[in-house]
């Protein structure tokens, strides 16, 4: 059995297509998923908490970092159609699913295959959204947090969702070395929403 993780670049596990249906702020959405990607059979609870916590107005350039099969970027693009959505993932299978799902849901996005921010450095975003790949390890995700700081516009915000027992308090401690303003606007079902502003 191949030892694939959702942060594997090129999954080799046999395809097992599935579908997930959801509604986001009144918009019905349908997604195709597959083996070798994160949360293949259902919408992950942390992702759901993050999407529900977003403010009433989202605008500008939005990055869905570690997009998986595309739910965050596509939900945001569907509800706020004037946003410019970029979706990035190291996982080739995830990127292909995101492209297909965006088209199926009528959302215009740019999907980039990237190991963290490697292919994105030099770009700037007004909002970065991420459910970090905790299993990839602290060194990997903390590097992503540091790179996110360099990719935010002057008024930009980084929004993360992390389980309390999977390191949310220690992540906040680290994020405060990168950002002047770090808050937790929502805590729900054991998940903490962390909002970071004003890069140091």
Protein backbone atom coordinates (compact mmCIF):
# COMPACT_ATOMS: atom_id res chain seq x y z
CA UNK A 1 0.00 0.00 0.00
CA UNK A 2 1.61 3.31 -1.03
CA UNK A 3 2.43 5.58 1.89
CA UNK A 4 0.69 8.66 0.51
CA UNK A 5 -0.08 11.71 2.59
CA UNK A 6 -2.19 14.66 1.54
CA UNK A 7 1.06 16.66 1.40
CA UNK A 8 2.64 14.16 -1.02
CA UNK A 9 3.56 15.82 -4.32
CA UNK A 10 2.51 12.97 -6.60
CA UNK A 11 0.15 10.48 -4.90
CA UNK A 12 0.37 6.94 -6.25
CA UNK A 13 -2.62 5.45 -4.41
CA UNK A 14 -5.34 3.99 -6.60
CA UNK A 15 -8.03 6.49 -7.55
CA UNK A 16 -11.19 6.28 -5.46
CA UNK A 17 -13.46 9.05 -6.61
CA UNK A 18 -16.10 10.39 -4.24
CA UNK A 19 -18.35 13.42 -4.04
CA UNK A 20 -19.05 15.94 -1.30
CA UNK A 21 -22.03 18.28 -1.35
CA UNK A 22 -22.41 21.33 0.88
CA UNK A 23 -24.04 24.72 1.08
CA UNK A 24 -22.08 27.89 1.84
CA UNK A 25 -24.01 31.04 2.71
CA UNK A 26 -26.90 29.96 0.51
CA UNK A 27 -24.83 28.60 -2.39
CA UNK A 28 -25.10 24.87 -3.12
CA UNK A 29 -21.68 23.44 -3.99
CA UNK A 30 -20.63 19.99 -5.22
CA UNK A 31 -17.07 18.66 -5.20
CA UNK A 32 -15.30 15.66 -6.65
CA UNK A 33 -12.68 14.16 -4.34
CA UNK A 34 -10.20 11.30 -4.60
CA UNK A 35 -7.77 9.19 -2.62
CA UNK A 36 -4.43 10.77 -1.74
CA UNK A 37 -6.00 14.12 -0.79
CA UNK A 38 -7.07 15.56 2.56
CA UNK A 39 -10.53 14.62 3.90
CA UNK A 40 -11.68 12.64 0.87
CA UNK A 41 -15.17 11.72 2.08
CA UNK A 42 -16.45 14.84 3.84
CA UNK A 43 -15.92 18.50 4.56
CA UNK A 44 -13.33 18.70 7.33
CA UNK A 45 -14.74 20.27 10.48
CA UNK A 46 -11.83 22.70 10.84
CA UNK A 47 -12.33 23.95 7.28
CA UNK A 48 -16.04 24.40 7.98
CA UNK A 49 -15.29 26.44 11.13
CA UNK A 50 -12.85 28.63 9.19
CA UNK A 51 -15.32 29.32 6.38
CA UNK A 52 -18.11 30.12 8.85
CA UNK A 53 -15.84 32.54 10.75
CA UNK A 54 -15.04 34.73 7.73
CA UNK A 55 -16.36 38.31 7.85
CA UNK A 56 -19.40 39.55 5.95
CA UNK A 57 -17.19 41.17 3.32
CA UNK A 58 -14.20 39.60 1.59
CA UNK A 59 -12.48 41.38 -1.30
CA UNK A 60 -9.27 41.63 -3.29
CA UNK A 61 -6.73 38.90 -3.89
CA UNK A 62 -7.38 35.75 -1.89
CA UNK A 63 -5.01 32.79 -1.52
CA UNK A 64 -6.25 29.36 -0.47
CA UNK A 65 -2.97 27.81 0.68
CA UNK A 66 -2.97 24.01 0.75
CA UNK A 67 -6.23 23.98 -1.16
CA UNK A 68 -6.84 20.23 -1.28
CA UNK A 69 -9.88 19.59 -3.46
CA UNK A 70 -10.67 23.29 -3.40
CA UNK A 71 -13.45 23.91 -0.93
CA UNK A 72 -12.14 27.12 0.71
CA UNK A 73 -11.18 29.01 -2.45
CA UNK A 74 -14.25 27.89 -4.37
CA UNK A 75 -16.69 28.70 -1.54
CA UNK A 76 -15.15 32.17 -1.17
CA UNK A 77 -15.13 32.77 -4.92
CA UNK A 78 -18.76 31.70 -5.24
CA UNK A 79 -20.04 33.96 -2.45
CA UNK A 80 -17.74 36.92 -3.22
CA UNK A 81 -17.44 36.74 -7.03
CA UNK A 82 -15.39 39.95 -7.28
CA UNK A 83 -12.48 38.36 -5.40
CA UNK A 84 -9.46 37.10 -7.32
CA UNK A 85 -8.82 33.58 -6.09
CA UNK A 86 -5.49 31.75 -6.19
CA UNK A 87 -5.33 28.17 -4.91
CA UNK A 88 -2.07 26.36 -4.20
CA UNK A 89 -1.11 22.85 -3.12
CA UNK A 90 1.96 20.62 -3.31
CA UNK A 91 -0.31 17.71 -4.26
CA UNK A 92 -0.76 17.33 -8.03
CA UNK A 93 -3.96 15.34 -7.62
CA UNK A 94 -5.40 18.02 -5.33
CA UNK A 95 -4.58 20.75 -7.87
CA UNK A 96 -6.32 18.85 -10.67
CA UNK A 97 -9.40 18.29 -8.50
CA UNK A 98 -9.45 21.99 -7.59
CA UNK A 99 -9.38 22.98 -11.25
CA UNK A 100 -12.25 20.64 -12.10
CA UNK A 101 -14.29 21.62 -9.06
CA UNK A 102 -13.86 25.33 -9.72
CA UNK A 103 -15.13 24.87 -13.27
CA UNK A 104 -18.03 22.68 -12.12
CA UNK A 105 -19.11 25.30 -9.58
CA UNK A 106 -18.72 28.24 -11.95
CA UNK A 107 -15.84 29.90 -10.10
CA UNK A 108 -12.87 31.46 -11.87
CA UNK A 109 -9.63 30.60 -10.04
CA UNK A 110 -5.92 30.25 -10.64
CA UNK A 111 -4.49 26.95 -9.36
CA UNK A 112 -0.73 26.67 -8.78
CA UNK A 113 1.21 23.55 -7.86
CA UNK A 114 3.61 24.74 -5.17
CA UNK A 115 5.58 23.33 -2.26
CA UNK A 116 4.37 25.81 0.32
CA UNK A 117 5.00 29.31 -1.03
CA UNK A 118 7.86 28.29 -3.33
CA UNK A 119 6.04 29.25 -6.55
CA UNK A 120 4.24 32.22 -4.96
CA UNK A 121 7.03 34.32 -3.49
CA UNK A 122 6.91 37.79 -5.00
CA UNK A 123 3.09 37.75 -5.20
CA UNK A 124 0.94 39.59 -2.67
CA UNK A 125 -2.51 38.75 -1.34
CA UNK A 126 -5.09 40.64 0.70
CA UNK A 127 -6.32 37.50 2.44
CA UNK A 128 -4.58 34.15 2.95
CA UNK A 129 -6.69 31.27 4.24
CA UNK A 130 -5.21 28.01 5.48
CA UNK A 131 -6.05 24.83 7.32
CA UNK A 132 -2.37 23.91 7.86
CA UNK A 133 -1.06 20.35 7.22
CA UNK A 134 -0.37 19.62 10.89
CA UNK A 135 0.90 16.10 10.15
CA UNK A 136 3.67 17.55 8.00
CA UNK A 137 5.31 18.76 11.21
CA UNK A 138 5.96 22.03 13.00
CA UNK A 139 9.03 22.94 10.91
CA UNK A 140 6.99 22.77 7.70
CA UNK A 141 3.99 24.72 8.90
CA UNK A 142 6.02 27.38 10.73
CA UNK A 143 7.99 27.94 7.52
CA UNK A 144 4.65 28.45 5.76
CA UNK A 145 3.60 31.01 8.37
CA UNK A 146 6.84 32.94 7.89
CA UNK A 147 6.46 32.87 4.10
CA UNK A 148 2.83 33.99 4.38
CA UNK A 149 4.03 37.15 6.11
CA UNK A 150 6.09 38.09 3.03
CA UNK A 151 3.14 37.46 0.68
CA UNK A 152 0.60 39.69 2.41
CA UNK A 153 -0.32 43.15 1.19
CA UNK A 154 0.13 46.03 3.65
CA UNK A 155 -3.43 45.66 4.97
CA UNK A 156 -3.57 41.92 4.34
CA UNK A 157 -4.69 39.24 6.79
CA UNK A 158 -3.71 35.60 7.37
CA UNK A 159 -6.52 33.39 8.72
CA UNK A 160 -5.69 29.92 10.05
CA UNK A 161 -7.63 27.12 11.70
CA UNK A 162 -5.77 24.85 14.13
CA UNK A 163 -7.07 22.42 16.72
CA UNK A 164 -6.24 23.43 20.27
CA UNK A 165 -4.76 19.99 21.02
CA UNK A 166 -2.75 20.03 17.78
CA UNK A 167 -0.77 23.08 18.74
CA UNK A 168 -2.92 26.21 18.41
CA UNK A 169 -1.51 27.89 21.57
CA UNK A 170 2.14 27.33 20.58
CA UNK A 171 1.37 28.41 17.00
CA UNK A 172 0.00 31.68 18.35
CA UNK A 173 3.19 32.21 20.35
CA UNK A 174 5.24 31.81 17.17
CA UNK A 175 2.89 33.91 15.04
CA UNK A 176 3.34 36.79 17.49
CA UNK A 177 7.00 36.90 16.44
CA UNK A 178 5.85 37.47 12.84
CA UNK A 179 2.80 39.73 13.22
CA UNK A 180 1.98 42.70 15.41
CA UNK A 181 -1.70 41.76 15.67
CA UNK A 182 -2.65 38.11 16.36
CA UNK A 183 -6.20 37.35 17.52
CA UNK A 184 -8.53 34.37 17.93
CA UNK A 185 -11.93 35.63 16.70
CA UNK A 186 -13.52 32.17 17.00
CA UNK A 187 -13.09 29.01 19.08
CA UNK A 188 -15.46 26.21 18.17
CA UNK A 189 -15.52 22.41 18.45
CA UNK A 190 -11.91 22.43 19.66
CA UNK A 191 -10.74 24.47 16.67
CA UNK A 192 -9.21 27.92 17.04
CA UNK A 193 -9.47 30.51 14.27
CA UNK A 194 -6.33 32.64 14.30
CA UNK A 195 -6.25 35.99 12.48
CA UNK A 196 -2.87 37.67 11.87
CA UNK A 197 -2.38 41.27 10.72
CA UNK A 198 0.40 43.86 10.47
CA UNK A 199 3.47 41.79 9.51
CA UNK A 200 6.53 42.68 11.55
